[in-house]
Amino acid sequence: MVERKAGQNRKCFSEQEATAIKQLRLEGKSTDTIAAMLHVGKDRVRRFLKQNKLDVYQPAKRHREAIDQNKVIIAEYPDFKNAACRKMPIDDFFPVSPSNSLSASRRKLHMEKVERVIDVCRNCIEQEKCLDYALQAEPHGIWGGTTEGEREYLRLRLGIKCERDVLISKKSRQISNAWRSSAMIGVPFFIKHSDIVEKRLARRA
């Protein structure tokens, strides 16, 4: 009878997966977060980190810099004289994300409000022009029928850098990190988004 050593049948990570795990760990990601991003078991990740002496968790320090209000934006602000949103309150397009402590009904009302704003964008003749500008210069709010997370996704797919280099929301950053980690190991990453995102991807840069 052939004896097998403990762990002999355990799956090993590919070179690409190993690189992704090391990079995510250096960025301060926890074991649970890495496992969720790469769709693998927590124990596998934990063993790998221990073998590579990366098992001591050190959250990444975030340096928050003040937003430069006087920064010159190269992207040209479009002429929105025919935009459908001209007479709407600007606050409608910069909704504050609800906290997890709010009730389900309050969060539902928030999402319904966002959907109503996006519906206005869908029927606007300036939608694509608005989105092209926002991809270059607007990390916050709803522009061209897209949310912060959708525009971050498009920037990553299209190789566009936002000129306003400011902190985006936690949810948008999670989408960004998930897409980056998936792209590193060649795994498709899917998010729910509006039709304009697919349309913009089809047109490319």
N, C-alpha and C. Protein backbone atom coordinates (compact mmCIF):
# COMPACT_ATOMS: atom_id res chain seq x y z
N MET A 1 0.84 -1.19 0.00
CA MET A 1 0.00 0.00 0.00
C MET A 1 0.89 1.25 0.00
N VAL A 2 0.60 2.20 -0.91
CA VAL A 2 1.41 3.40 -1.02
C VAL A 2 0.94 4.43 0.00
N GLU A 3 1.87 4.89 0.82
CA GLU A 3 1.53 5.90 1.79
C GLU A 3 1.64 7.29 1.17
N ARG A 4 0.69 8.14 1.46
CA ARG A 4 0.71 9.51 0.96
C ARG A 4 0.99 10.47 2.11
N LYS A 5 1.87 11.39 1.84
CA LYS A 5 2.17 12.39 2.86
C LYS A 5 1.02 13.37 2.98
N ALA A 6 0.89 13.95 4.16
CA ALA A 6 -0.18 14.91 4.40
C ALA A 6 -0.05 16.08 3.43
N GLY A 7 -1.15 16.40 2.78
CA GLY A 7 -1.15 17.54 1.87
C GLY A 7 -0.66 17.22 0.47
N GLN A 8 -0.32 15.94 0.20
CA GLN A 8 0.23 15.57 -1.11
C GLN A 8 -0.77 15.80 -2.23
N ASN A 9 -2.06 15.66 -1.94
CA ASN A 9 -3.09 15.79 -2.97
C ASN A 9 -3.68 17.20 -3.03
N ARG A 10 -3.14 18.11 -2.26
CA ARG A 10 -3.68 19.46 -2.25
C ARG A 10 -3.34 20.18 -3.55
N LYS A 11 -4.29 20.95 -4.01
CA LYS A 11 -4.09 21.70 -5.24
C LYS A 11 -3.10 22.83 -5.00
N CYS A 12 -2.29 23.08 -6.01
CA CYS A 12 -1.34 24.19 -5.94
C CYS A 12 -1.84 25.34 -6.80
N PHE A 13 -1.51 26.55 -6.42
CA PHE A 13 -1.89 27.71 -7.22
C PHE A 13 -0.98 27.81 -8.43
N SER A 14 -1.56 28.28 -9.53
CA SER A 14 -0.74 28.51 -10.72
C SER A 14 0.17 29.70 -10.46
N GLU A 15 1.12 29.90 -11.36
CA GLU A 15 2.06 31.02 -11.19
C GLU A 15 1.33 32.37 -11.19
N GLN A 16 0.32 32.50 -12.06
CA GLN A 16 -0.45 33.74 -12.13
C GLN A 16 -1.25 33.96 -10.85
N GLU A 17 -1.85 32.89 -10.34
CA GLU A 17 -2.62 33.00 -9.10
C GLU A 17 -1.72 33.37 -7.93
N ALA A 18 -0.55 32.74 -7.88
CA ALA A 18 0.40 33.03 -6.80
C ALA A 18 0.84 34.49 -6.84
N THR A 19 1.10 35.00 -8.03
CA THR A 19 1.50 36.40 -8.18
C THR A 19 0.38 37.33 -7.71
N ALA A 20 -0.85 36.99 -8.09
CA ALA A 20 -2.00 37.82 -7.70
C ALA A 20 -2.17 37.83 -6.19
N ILE A 21 -2.03 36.66 -5.55
CA ILE A 21 -2.19 36.58 -4.10
C ILE A 21 -1.13 37.40 -3.38
N LYS A 22 0.11 37.30 -3.84
CA LYS A 22 1.19 38.06 -3.21
C LYS A 22 0.95 39.56 -3.36
N GLN A 23 0.51 39.97 -4.55
CA GLN A 23 0.27 41.39 -4.80
C GLN A 23 -0.86 41.92 -3.92
N LEU A 24 -1.95 41.15 -3.83
CA LEU A 24 -3.08 41.57 -3.01
C LEU A 24 -2.70 41.64 -1.53
N ARG A 25 -1.84 40.71 -1.10
CA ARG A 25 -1.41 40.70 0.30
C ARG A 25 -0.55 41.93 0.60
N LEU A 26 0.32 42.28 -0.35
CA LEU A 26 1.17 43.46 -0.18
C LEU A 26 0.34 44.74 -0.16
N GLU A 27 -0.84 44.68 -0.79
CA GLU A 27 -1.74 45.83 -0.77
C GLU A 27 -2.56 45.90 0.52
N GLY A 28 -2.35 44.90 1.40
CA GLY A 28 -3.02 44.92 2.69
C GLY A 28 -4.32 44.16 2.75
N LYS A 29 -4.60 43.31 1.75
CA LYS A 29 -5.86 42.56 1.72
C LYS A 29 -5.81 41.40 2.71
N SER A 30 -6.91 41.15 3.37
CA SER A 30 -6.99 40.05 4.33
C SER A 30 -7.14 38.71 3.60
N THR A 31 -6.96 37.62 4.34
CA THR A 31 -7.11 36.28 3.76
C THR A 31 -8.51 36.08 3.18
N ASP A 32 -9.52 36.49 3.94
CA ASP A 32 -10.91 36.34 3.49
C ASP A 32 -11.16 37.13 2.21
N THR A 33 -10.61 38.35 2.14
CA THR A 33 -10.81 39.19 0.96
C THR A 33 -10.15 38.58 -0.27
N ILE A 34 -8.92 38.09 -0.11
CA ILE A 34 -8.20 37.47 -1.23
C ILE A 34 -8.95 36.25 -1.73
N ALA A 35 -9.41 35.42 -0.80
CA ALA A 35 -10.14 34.21 -1.19
C ALA A 35 -11.41 34.55 -1.95
N ALA A 36 -12.12 35.59 -1.50
CA ALA A 36 -13.36 36.01 -2.16
C ALA A 36 -13.08 36.57 -3.55
N MET A 37 -12.02 37.35 -3.69
CA MET A 37 -11.67 37.95 -4.97
C MET A 37 -11.28 36.90 -6.01
N LEU A 38 -10.53 35.89 -5.58
CA LEU A 38 -10.03 34.88 -6.52
C LEU A 38 -10.92 33.63 -6.58
N HIS A 39 -12.01 33.65 -5.80
CA HIS A 39 -12.97 32.52 -5.81
C HIS A 39 -12.29 31.20 -5.46
N VAL A 40 -11.50 31.22 -4.39
CA VAL A 40 -10.82 30.01 -3.93
C VAL A 40 -11.07 29.86 -2.43
N GLY A 41 -10.70 28.69 -1.89
CA GLY A 41 -10.92 28.42 -0.48
C GLY A 41 -10.00 29.23 0.43
N LYS A 42 -10.53 29.62 1.58
CA LYS A 42 -9.74 30.41 2.54
C LYS A 42 -8.55 29.61 3.06
N ASP A 43 -8.75 28.29 3.30
CA ASP A 43 -7.67 27.47 3.84
C ASP A 43 -6.51 27.38 2.86
N ARG A 44 -6.82 27.29 1.56
CA ARG A 44 -5.75 27.24 0.54
C ARG A 44 -4.93 28.52 0.57
N VAL A 45 -5.64 29.64 0.64
CA VAL A 45 -4.95 30.93 0.69
C VAL A 45 -4.12 31.05 1.96
N ARG A 46 -4.69 30.61 3.07
CA ARG A 46 -4.00 30.71 4.36
C ARG A 46 -2.71 29.89 4.34
N ARG A 47 -2.77 28.67 3.78
CA ARG A 47 -1.58 27.83 3.70
C ARG A 47 -0.52 28.46 2.81
N PHE A 48 -0.97 29.00 1.68
CA PHE A 48 -0.04 29.63 0.75
C PHE A 48 0.68 30.82 1.41
N LEU A 49 -0.09 31.64 2.12
CA LEU A 49 0.49 32.81 2.77
C LEU A 49 1.50 32.40 3.83
N LYS A 50 1.19 31.32 4.56
CA LYS A 50 2.10 30.84 5.60
C LYS A 50 3.39 30.31 4.98
N GLN A 51 3.25 29.56 3.89
CA GLN A 51 4.43 29.01 3.21
C GLN A 51 5.34 30.11 2.68
N ASN A 52 4.74 31.24 2.30
CA ASN A 52 5.51 32.34 1.74
C ASN A 52 5.78 33.45 2.76
N LYS A 53 5.57 33.12 4.05
CA LYS A 53 5.83 34.05 5.15
C LYS A 53 5.09 35.38 4.98
N LEU A 54 3.84 35.25 4.53
CA LEU A 54 2.99 36.42 4.38
C LEU A 54 1.74 36.31 5.25
N ASP A 55 1.85 35.46 6.29
CA ASP A 55 0.66 35.18 7.11
C ASP A 55 0.39 36.24 8.16
N VAL A 56 1.31 37.19 8.35
CA VAL A 56 1.07 38.28 9.30
C VAL A 56 0.32 39.38 8.58
N TYR A 57 -0.93 39.62 9.00
CA TYR A 57 -1.80 40.59 8.32
C TYR A 57 -1.46 42.01 8.73
N GLN A 58 -1.12 42.83 7.73
CA GLN A 58 -0.82 44.24 7.97
C GLN A 58 -1.66 45.08 7.02
N PRO A 59 -2.76 45.63 7.52
CA PRO A 59 -3.62 46.45 6.66
C PRO A 59 -2.84 47.59 6.03
N ALA A 60 -3.12 47.84 4.76
CA ALA A 60 -2.43 48.91 4.05
C ALA A 60 -2.84 50.27 4.61
N LYS A 61 -1.87 51.15 4.76
CA LYS A 61 -2.15 52.50 5.23
C LYS A 61 -2.65 53.35 4.07
N ARG A 62 -3.76 54.00 4.28
CA ARG A 62 -4.33 54.84 3.23
C ARG A 62 -3.96 56.30 3.48
N HIS A 63 -3.32 56.88 2.51
CA HIS A 63 -2.93 58.28 2.61
C HIS A 63 -4.01 59.12 1.95
N ARG A 64 -4.72 59.85 2.75
CA ARG A 64 -5.78 60.70 2.22
C ARG A 64 -5.24 62.10 1.97
N GLU A 65 -5.23 62.49 0.73
CA GLU A 65 -4.74 63.81 0.36
C GLU A 65 -5.91 64.75 0.10
N ALA A 66 -5.69 66.01 0.41
CA ALA A 66 -6.73 67.01 0.17
C ALA A 66 -6.96 67.16 -1.34
N ILE A 67 -8.21 67.34 -1.72
CA ILE A 67 -8.54 67.52 -3.13
C ILE A 67 -8.10 68.91 -3.57
N ASP A 68 -7.35 68.98 -4.65
CA ASP A 68 -6.89 70.25 -5.18
C ASP A 68 -8.02 70.88 -6.00
N GLN A 69 -8.71 71.84 -5.40
CA GLN A 69 -9.85 72.47 -6.07
C GLN A 69 -9.42 73.31 -7.27
N ASN A 70 -8.14 73.71 -7.29
CA ASN A 70 -7.66 74.58 -8.37
C ASN A 70 -6.97 73.80 -9.49
N LYS A 71 -7.03 72.47 -9.42
CA LYS A 71 -6.37 71.67 -10.43
C LYS A 71 -7.02 71.89 -11.80
N VAL A 72 -6.18 72.11 -12.81
CA VAL A 72 -6.69 72.33 -14.16
C VAL A 72 -7.04 71.00 -14.80
N ILE A 73 -8.27 70.88 -15.28
CA ILE A 73 -8.72 69.66 -15.95
C ILE A 73 -8.60 69.85 -17.46
N ILE A 74 -7.83 68.99 -18.08
CA ILE A 74 -7.59 69.12 -19.52
C ILE A 74 -8.85 68.76 -20.32
N ALA A 75 -9.60 67.77 -19.83
CA ALA A 75 -10.82 67.35 -20.54
C ALA A 75 -11.76 68.53 -20.72
N GLU A 76 -12.20 68.72 -21.93
CA GLU A 76 -13.06 69.87 -22.23
C GLU A 76 -14.49 69.60 -21.76
N TYR A 77 -15.03 70.56 -21.02
CA TYR A 77 -16.41 70.42 -20.53
C TYR A 77 -17.37 70.61 -21.70
N PRO A 78 -18.20 69.61 -21.98
CA PRO A 78 -19.09 69.69 -23.16
C PRO A 78 -20.17 70.76 -23.03
N ASP A 79 -20.73 71.12 -24.15
CA ASP A 79 -21.86 72.05 -24.18
C ASP A 79 -23.13 71.23 -23.96
N PHE A 80 -23.73 71.38 -22.78
CA PHE A 80 -24.90 70.58 -22.42
C PHE A 80 -26.21 71.36 -22.58
N LYS A 81 -26.27 72.27 -23.54
CA LYS A 81 -27.47 73.11 -23.68
C LYS A 81 -28.71 72.30 -24.04
N ASN A 82 -28.52 71.11 -24.64
CA ASN A 82 -29.67 70.28 -25.00
C ASN A 82 -29.85 69.09 -24.06
N ALA A 83 -29.13 69.10 -22.96
CA ALA A 83 -29.20 67.97 -22.03
C ALA A 83 -30.56 67.91 -21.33
N ALA A 84 -31.03 66.69 -21.08
CA ALA A 84 -32.34 66.49 -20.44
C ALA A 84 -32.33 66.86 -18.97
N CYS A 85 -31.14 66.99 -18.39
CA CYS A 85 -31.03 67.25 -16.95
C CYS A 85 -30.87 68.72 -16.60
N ARG A 86 -30.92 69.60 -17.57
CA ARG A 86 -30.59 71.00 -17.34
C ARG A 86 -31.40 71.66 -16.22
N LYS A 87 -32.67 71.32 -16.10
CA LYS A 87 -33.51 71.97 -15.10
C LYS A 87 -33.71 71.13 -13.84
N MET A 88 -32.95 70.04 -13.74
CA MET A 88 -33.07 69.17 -12.57
C MET A 88 -32.10 69.61 -11.47
N PRO A 89 -32.42 69.39 -10.20
CA PRO A 89 -31.51 69.73 -9.09
C PRO A 89 -30.21 68.93 -9.22
N ILE A 90 -29.08 69.59 -9.07
CA ILE A 90 -27.79 68.91 -9.22
C ILE A 90 -27.59 67.82 -8.16
N ASP A 91 -28.22 68.01 -6.99
CA ASP A 91 -28.08 67.01 -5.91
C ASP A 91 -28.64 65.65 -6.32
N ASP A 92 -29.59 65.64 -7.26
CA ASP A 92 -30.14 64.36 -7.72
C ASP A 92 -29.07 63.49 -8.36
N PHE A 93 -28.04 64.11 -8.92
CA PHE A 93 -27.01 63.38 -9.63
C PHE A 93 -25.80 63.06 -8.75
N PHE A 94 -25.86 63.47 -7.49
CA PHE A 94 -24.80 63.16 -6.54
C PHE A 94 -25.41 62.60 -5.26
N PRO A 95 -26.10 61.44 -5.38
CA PRO A 95 -26.77 60.86 -4.22
C PRO A 95 -25.76 60.32 -3.21
N VAL A 96 -26.08 60.48 -1.94
CA VAL A 96 -25.22 59.96 -0.88
C VAL A 96 -25.55 58.50 -0.65
N SER A 97 -24.54 57.63 -0.74
CA SER A 97 -24.78 56.20 -0.56
C SER A 97 -25.31 55.91 0.83
N PRO A 98 -26.37 55.11 0.92
CA PRO A 98 -26.95 54.81 2.25
C PRO A 98 -26.04 53.90 3.05
N SER A 99 -26.01 54.09 4.36
CA SER A 99 -25.19 53.24 5.22
C SER A 99 -25.91 51.91 5.45
N ASN A 100 -25.14 50.91 5.86
CA ASN A 100 -25.71 49.59 6.11
C ASN A 100 -26.69 49.59 7.29
N SER A 101 -26.60 50.63 8.11
CA SER A 101 -27.47 50.68 9.29
C SER A 101 -28.90 51.10 8.93
N LEU A 102 -29.09 51.63 7.74
CA LEU A 102 -30.43 52.05 7.33
C LEU A 102 -31.31 50.84 7.04
N SER A 103 -32.59 51.03 7.15
CA SER A 103 -33.53 49.93 6.89
C SER A 103 -33.55 49.58 5.41
N ALA A 104 -34.04 48.38 5.11
CA ALA A 104 -34.11 47.92 3.73
C ALA A 104 -35.00 48.84 2.89
N SER A 105 -36.06 49.36 3.51
CA SER A 105 -36.97 50.24 2.77
C SER A 105 -36.29 51.55 2.39
N ARG A 106 -35.42 52.09 3.29
CA ARG A 106 -34.70 53.32 3.00
C ARG A 106 -33.69 53.10 1.88
N ARG A 107 -33.03 51.95 1.91
CA ARG A 107 -32.06 51.65 0.86
C ARG A 107 -32.77 51.45 -0.48
N LYS A 108 -33.95 50.84 -0.43
CA LYS A 108 -34.73 50.65 -1.64
C LYS A 108 -35.13 51.99 -2.24
N LEU A 109 -35.54 52.93 -1.41
CA LEU A 109 -35.91 54.27 -1.88
C LEU A 109 -34.72 54.97 -2.54
N HIS A 110 -33.54 54.75 -1.95
CA HIS A 110 -32.32 55.33 -2.52
C HIS A 110 -32.06 54.79 -3.93
N MET A 111 -32.17 53.47 -4.08
CA MET A 111 -31.93 52.84 -5.38
C MET A 111 -32.97 53.29 -6.40
N GLU A 112 -34.21 53.45 -5.98
CA GLU A 112 -35.26 53.90 -6.89
C GLU A 112 -34.97 55.32 -7.37
N LYS A 113 -34.43 56.15 -6.48
CA LYS A 113 -34.07 57.52 -6.85
C LYS A 113 -32.94 57.51 -7.88
N VAL A 114 -31.94 56.66 -7.66
CA VAL A 114 -30.83 56.54 -8.61
C VAL A 114 -31.33 56.07 -9.97
N GLU A 115 -32.24 55.10 -9.97
CA GLU A 115 -32.78 54.58 -11.22
C GLU A 115 -33.55 55.65 -11.99
N ARG A 116 -34.27 56.50 -11.27
CA ARG A 116 -35.03 57.58 -11.93
C ARG A 116 -34.07 58.56 -12.62
N VAL A 117 -32.96 58.85 -11.97
CA VAL A 117 -31.98 59.75 -12.56
C VAL A 117 -31.35 59.12 -13.79
N ILE A 118 -31.01 57.83 -13.70
CA ILE A 118 -30.40 57.14 -14.84
C ILE A 118 -31.38 57.05 -16.01
N ASP A 119 -32.68 56.92 -15.72
CA ASP A 119 -33.68 56.91 -16.79
C ASP A 119 -33.68 58.23 -17.57
N VAL A 120 -33.44 59.33 -16.87
CA VAL A 120 -33.34 60.63 -17.54
C VAL A 120 -32.17 60.62 -18.51
N CYS A 121 -31.04 60.05 -18.06
CA CYS A 121 -29.85 59.97 -18.91
C CYS A 121 -30.09 59.10 -20.14
N ARG A 122 -30.81 58.01 -19.95
CA ARG A 122 -31.05 57.08 -21.07
C ARG A 122 -31.79 57.76 -22.22
N ASN A 123 -32.64 58.73 -21.90
CA ASN A 123 -33.44 59.41 -22.92
C ASN A 123 -32.84 60.75 -23.34
N CYS A 124 -31.58 60.96 -22.99
CA CYS A 124 -30.92 62.23 -23.30
C CYS A 124 -30.05 62.10 -24.54
N ILE A 125 -30.12 63.08 -25.43
CA ILE A 125 -29.33 63.02 -26.68
C ILE A 125 -27.84 63.30 -26.42
N GLU A 126 -27.53 63.81 -25.23
CA GLU A 126 -26.14 64.12 -24.90
C GLU A 126 -25.46 63.03 -24.08
N GLN A 127 -26.11 61.87 -23.96
CA GLN A 127 -25.62 60.84 -23.04
C GLN A 127 -24.18 60.41 -23.32
N GLU A 128 -23.87 60.07 -24.56
CA GLU A 128 -22.53 59.58 -24.87
C GLU A 128 -21.47 60.65 -24.70
N LYS A 129 -21.80 61.87 -25.07
CA LYS A 129 -20.87 63.00 -24.89
C LYS A 129 -20.59 63.21 -23.40
N CYS A 130 -21.63 63.12 -22.62
CA CYS A 130 -21.53 63.30 -21.16
C CYS A 130 -20.65 62.19 -20.56
N LEU A 131 -20.87 60.96 -20.99
CA LEU A 131 -20.10 59.84 -20.47
C LEU A 131 -18.63 59.94 -20.85
N ASP A 132 -18.33 60.32 -22.09
CA ASP A 132 -16.94 60.45 -22.53
C ASP A 132 -16.19 61.47 -21.67
N TYR A 133 -16.87 62.57 -21.35
CA TYR A 133 -16.25 63.59 -20.50
C TYR A 133 -16.04 63.04 -19.08
N ALA A 134 -17.06 62.40 -18.53
CA ALA A 134 -17.00 61.92 -17.15
C ALA A 134 -15.94 60.85 -16.95
N LEU A 135 -15.70 60.02 -17.97
CA LEU A 135 -14.66 59.01 -17.86
C LEU A 135 -13.29 59.65 -17.65
N GLN A 136 -13.10 60.81 -18.20
CA GLN A 136 -11.82 61.51 -18.09
C GLN A 136 -11.72 62.40 -16.85
N ALA A 137 -12.86 62.91 -16.38
CA ALA A 137 -12.77 63.96 -15.37
C ALA A 137 -13.68 63.85 -14.16
N GLU A 138 -14.62 62.90 -14.12
CA GLU A 138 -15.59 62.89 -13.02
C GLU A 138 -15.65 61.54 -12.30
N PRO A 139 -15.00 61.42 -11.13
CA PRO A 139 -15.06 60.16 -10.39
C PRO A 139 -16.31 60.02 -9.53
N HIS A 140 -17.01 61.11 -9.29
CA HIS A 140 -18.18 61.08 -8.41
C HIS A 140 -19.48 61.35 -9.15
N GLY A 141 -20.57 60.84 -8.59
CA GLY A 141 -21.89 61.14 -9.11
C GLY A 141 -22.32 60.30 -10.30
N ILE A 142 -23.49 60.63 -10.83
CA ILE A 142 -24.06 59.95 -12.00
C ILE A 142 -23.85 60.83 -13.22
N TRP A 143 -23.16 60.29 -14.20
CA TRP A 143 -22.88 61.01 -15.44
C TRP A 143 -23.13 60.07 -16.62
N GLY A 144 -23.80 60.56 -17.62
CA GLY A 144 -24.02 59.74 -18.81
C GLY A 144 -24.73 58.43 -18.53
N GLY A 145 -25.55 58.42 -17.49
CA GLY A 145 -26.30 57.20 -17.15
C GLY A 145 -25.47 56.14 -16.46
N THR A 146 -24.30 56.50 -15.92
CA THR A 146 -23.46 55.52 -15.23
C THR A 146 -23.18 55.96 -13.80
N THR A 147 -22.96 54.99 -12.95
CA THR A 147 -22.60 55.24 -11.55
C THR A 147 -21.08 55.33 -11.42
N GLU A 148 -20.60 55.65 -10.23
CA GLU A 148 -19.15 55.71 -9.98
C GLU A 148 -18.48 54.37 -10.33
N GLY A 149 -19.08 53.29 -9.84
CA GLY A 149 -18.50 51.96 -10.06
C GLY A 149 -18.45 51.58 -11.52
N GLU A 150 -19.48 51.92 -12.27
CA GLU A 150 -19.52 51.58 -13.69
C GLU A 150 -18.44 52.34 -14.46
N ARG A 151 -18.24 53.60 -14.10
CA ARG A 151 -17.19 54.37 -14.79
C ARG A 151 -15.80 53.86 -14.43
N GLU A 152 -15.61 53.46 -13.17
CA GLU A 152 -14.32 52.88 -12.78
C GLU A 152 -14.06 51.60 -13.57
N TYR A 153 -15.09 50.81 -13.74
CA TYR A 153 -15.00 49.57 -14.53
C TYR A 153 -14.61 49.89 -15.98
N LEU A 154 -15.27 50.88 -16.57
CA LEU A 154 -14.97 51.28 -17.94
C LEU A 154 -13.54 51.80 -18.08
N ARG A 155 -13.10 52.59 -17.11
CA ARG A 155 -11.73 53.11 -17.18
C ARG A 155 -10.71 51.98 -17.20
N LEU A 156 -10.95 50.97 -16.37
CA LEU A 156 -10.04 49.84 -16.32
C LEU A 156 -10.05 49.06 -17.63
N ARG A 157 -11.24 48.87 -18.21
CA ARG A 157 -11.35 48.14 -19.46
C ARG A 157 -10.77 48.91 -20.65
N LEU A 158 -10.92 50.24 -20.61
CA LEU A 158 -10.51 51.07 -21.74
C LEU A 158 -9.16 51.74 -21.56
N GLY A 159 -8.55 51.56 -20.39
CA GLY A 159 -7.24 52.16 -20.14
C GLY A 159 -7.29 53.67 -20.02
N ILE A 160 -8.35 54.19 -19.41
CA ILE A 160 -8.51 55.64 -19.25
C ILE A 160 -8.20 56.04 -17.80
N LYS A 161 -7.42 57.10 -17.63
CA LYS A 161 -7.12 57.59 -16.28
C LYS A 161 -7.94 58.85 -16.01
N CYS A 162 -8.61 58.87 -14.88
CA CYS A 162 -9.41 60.03 -14.52
C CYS A 162 -8.50 61.17 -14.08
N GLU A 163 -8.70 62.34 -14.65
CA GLU A 163 -7.84 63.48 -14.34
C GLU A 163 -8.03 63.98 -12.91
N ARG A 164 -9.21 63.80 -12.36
CA ARG A 164 -9.43 64.16 -10.96
C ARG A 164 -9.04 62.96 -10.11
N ASP A 165 -7.81 62.95 -9.66
CA ASP A 165 -7.28 61.80 -8.92
C ASP A 165 -7.67 61.92 -7.46
N VAL A 166 -8.93 61.56 -7.16
CA VAL A 166 -9.44 61.66 -5.80
C VAL A 166 -10.00 60.31 -5.37
N LEU A 167 -10.24 60.18 -4.08
CA LEU A 167 -10.77 58.92 -3.55
C LEU A 167 -12.21 58.71 -4.00
N ILE A 168 -12.49 57.54 -4.54
CA ILE A 168 -13.86 57.21 -4.91
C ILE A 168 -14.48 56.42 -3.77
N SER A 169 -15.75 56.11 -3.89
CA SER A 169 -16.44 55.44 -2.80
C SER A 169 -15.88 54.04 -2.53
N LYS A 170 -16.16 53.52 -1.35
CA LYS A 170 -15.67 52.19 -0.96
C LYS A 170 -16.18 51.12 -1.92
N LYS A 171 -17.46 51.21 -2.30
CA LYS A 171 -18.03 50.20 -3.20
C LYS A 171 -17.35 50.24 -4.56
N SER A 172 -17.11 51.46 -5.08
CA SER A 172 -16.45 51.59 -6.37
C SER A 172 -15.04 51.04 -6.32
N ARG A 173 -14.35 51.28 -5.19
CA ARG A 173 -13.00 50.77 -5.04
C ARG A 173 -12.99 49.25 -4.97
N GLN A 174 -14.00 48.66 -4.34
CA GLN A 174 -14.10 47.20 -4.28
C GLN A 174 -14.26 46.62 -5.69
N ILE A 175 -15.09 47.28 -6.51
CA ILE A 175 -15.27 46.84 -7.90
C ILE A 175 -13.95 46.92 -8.64
N SER A 176 -13.24 48.02 -8.43
CA SER A 176 -11.95 48.22 -9.08
C SER A 176 -10.96 47.13 -8.69
N ASN A 177 -10.85 46.85 -7.39
CA ASN A 177 -9.91 45.83 -6.91
C ASN A 177 -10.28 44.44 -7.42
N ALA A 178 -11.58 44.14 -7.43
CA ALA A 178 -12.03 42.82 -7.89
C ALA A 178 -11.71 42.64 -9.37
N TRP A 179 -11.92 43.71 -10.16
CA TRP A 179 -11.63 43.60 -11.59
C TRP A 179 -10.13 43.42 -11.82
N ARG A 180 -9.30 44.20 -11.09
CA ARG A 180 -7.85 44.11 -11.26
C ARG A 180 -7.34 42.71 -10.91
N SER A 181 -7.81 42.17 -9.79
CA SER A 181 -7.33 40.85 -9.38
C SER A 181 -7.77 39.77 -10.35
N SER A 182 -8.99 39.90 -10.90
CA SER A 182 -9.48 38.92 -11.87
C SER A 182 -8.69 39.01 -13.17
N ALA A 183 -8.39 40.24 -13.59
CA ALA A 183 -7.66 40.44 -14.84
C ALA A 183 -6.25 39.86 -14.74
N MET A 184 -5.66 39.90 -13.53
CA MET A 184 -4.30 39.40 -13.33
C MET A 184 -4.19 37.90 -13.59
N ILE A 185 -5.26 37.17 -13.31
CA ILE A 185 -5.20 35.71 -13.48
C ILE A 185 -6.08 35.23 -14.64
N GLY A 186 -6.55 36.18 -15.45
CA GLY A 186 -7.32 35.82 -16.62
C GLY A 186 -8.71 35.30 -16.35
N VAL A 187 -9.29 35.70 -15.24
CA VAL A 187 -10.64 35.25 -14.89
C VAL A 187 -11.63 36.36 -15.22
N PRO A 188 -12.68 36.08 -16.01
CA PRO A 188 -13.66 37.13 -16.31
C PRO A 188 -14.35 37.60 -15.05
N PHE A 189 -14.57 38.90 -14.95
CA PHE A 189 -15.27 39.46 -13.79
C PHE A 189 -16.52 40.16 -14.27
N PHE A 190 -17.64 39.82 -13.68
CA PHE A 190 -18.91 40.35 -14.15
C PHE A 190 -19.54 41.25 -13.10
N ILE A 191 -20.07 42.38 -13.55
CA ILE A 191 -20.84 43.25 -12.66
C ILE A 191 -22.14 43.61 -13.36
N LYS A 192 -23.13 43.91 -12.57
CA LYS A 192 -24.40 44.34 -13.14
C LYS A 192 -24.27 45.81 -13.52
N HIS A 193 -24.55 46.12 -14.76
CA HIS A 193 -24.42 47.51 -15.18
C HIS A 193 -25.47 47.86 -16.22
N SER A 194 -25.54 49.14 -16.54
CA SER A 194 -26.54 49.62 -17.49
C SER A 194 -26.09 49.39 -18.93
N ASP A 195 -27.02 49.51 -19.87
CA ASP A 195 -26.74 49.23 -21.27
C ASP A 195 -25.65 50.13 -21.85
N ILE A 196 -25.54 51.35 -21.36
CA ILE A 196 -24.56 52.29 -21.91
C ILE A 196 -23.13 51.78 -21.71
N VAL A 197 -22.90 50.97 -20.68
CA VAL A 197 -21.56 50.43 -20.44
C VAL A 197 -21.15 49.51 -21.58
N GLU A 198 -22.02 48.58 -21.96
CA GLU A 198 -21.72 47.68 -23.07
C GLU A 198 -21.58 48.45 -24.37
N LYS A 199 -22.39 49.45 -24.54
CA LYS A 199 -22.34 50.29 -25.75
C LYS A 199 -21.00 51.01 -25.84
N ARG A 200 -20.55 51.52 -24.70
CA ARG A 200 -19.27 52.24 -24.68
C ARG A 200 -18.11 51.30 -24.89
N LEU A 201 -18.18 50.10 -24.34
CA LEU A 201 -17.12 49.10 -24.55
C LEU A 201 -17.04 48.70 -26.02
N ALA A 202 -18.20 48.58 -26.67
CA ALA A 202 -18.24 48.21 -28.08
C ALA A 202 -17.57 49.29 -28.95
N ARG A 203 -17.73 50.53 -28.54
CA ARG A 203 -17.15 51.63 -29.30
C ARG A 203 -15.68 51.80 -29.01
N ARG A 204 -15.26 51.32 -27.83
CA ARG A 204 -13.88 51.46 -27.36
C ARG A 204 -13.50 52.93 -27.24
N ALA A 205 -12.18 53.18 -27.15
CA ALA A 205 -11.71 54.58 -26.93
C ALA A 205 -11.80 55.38 -28.22
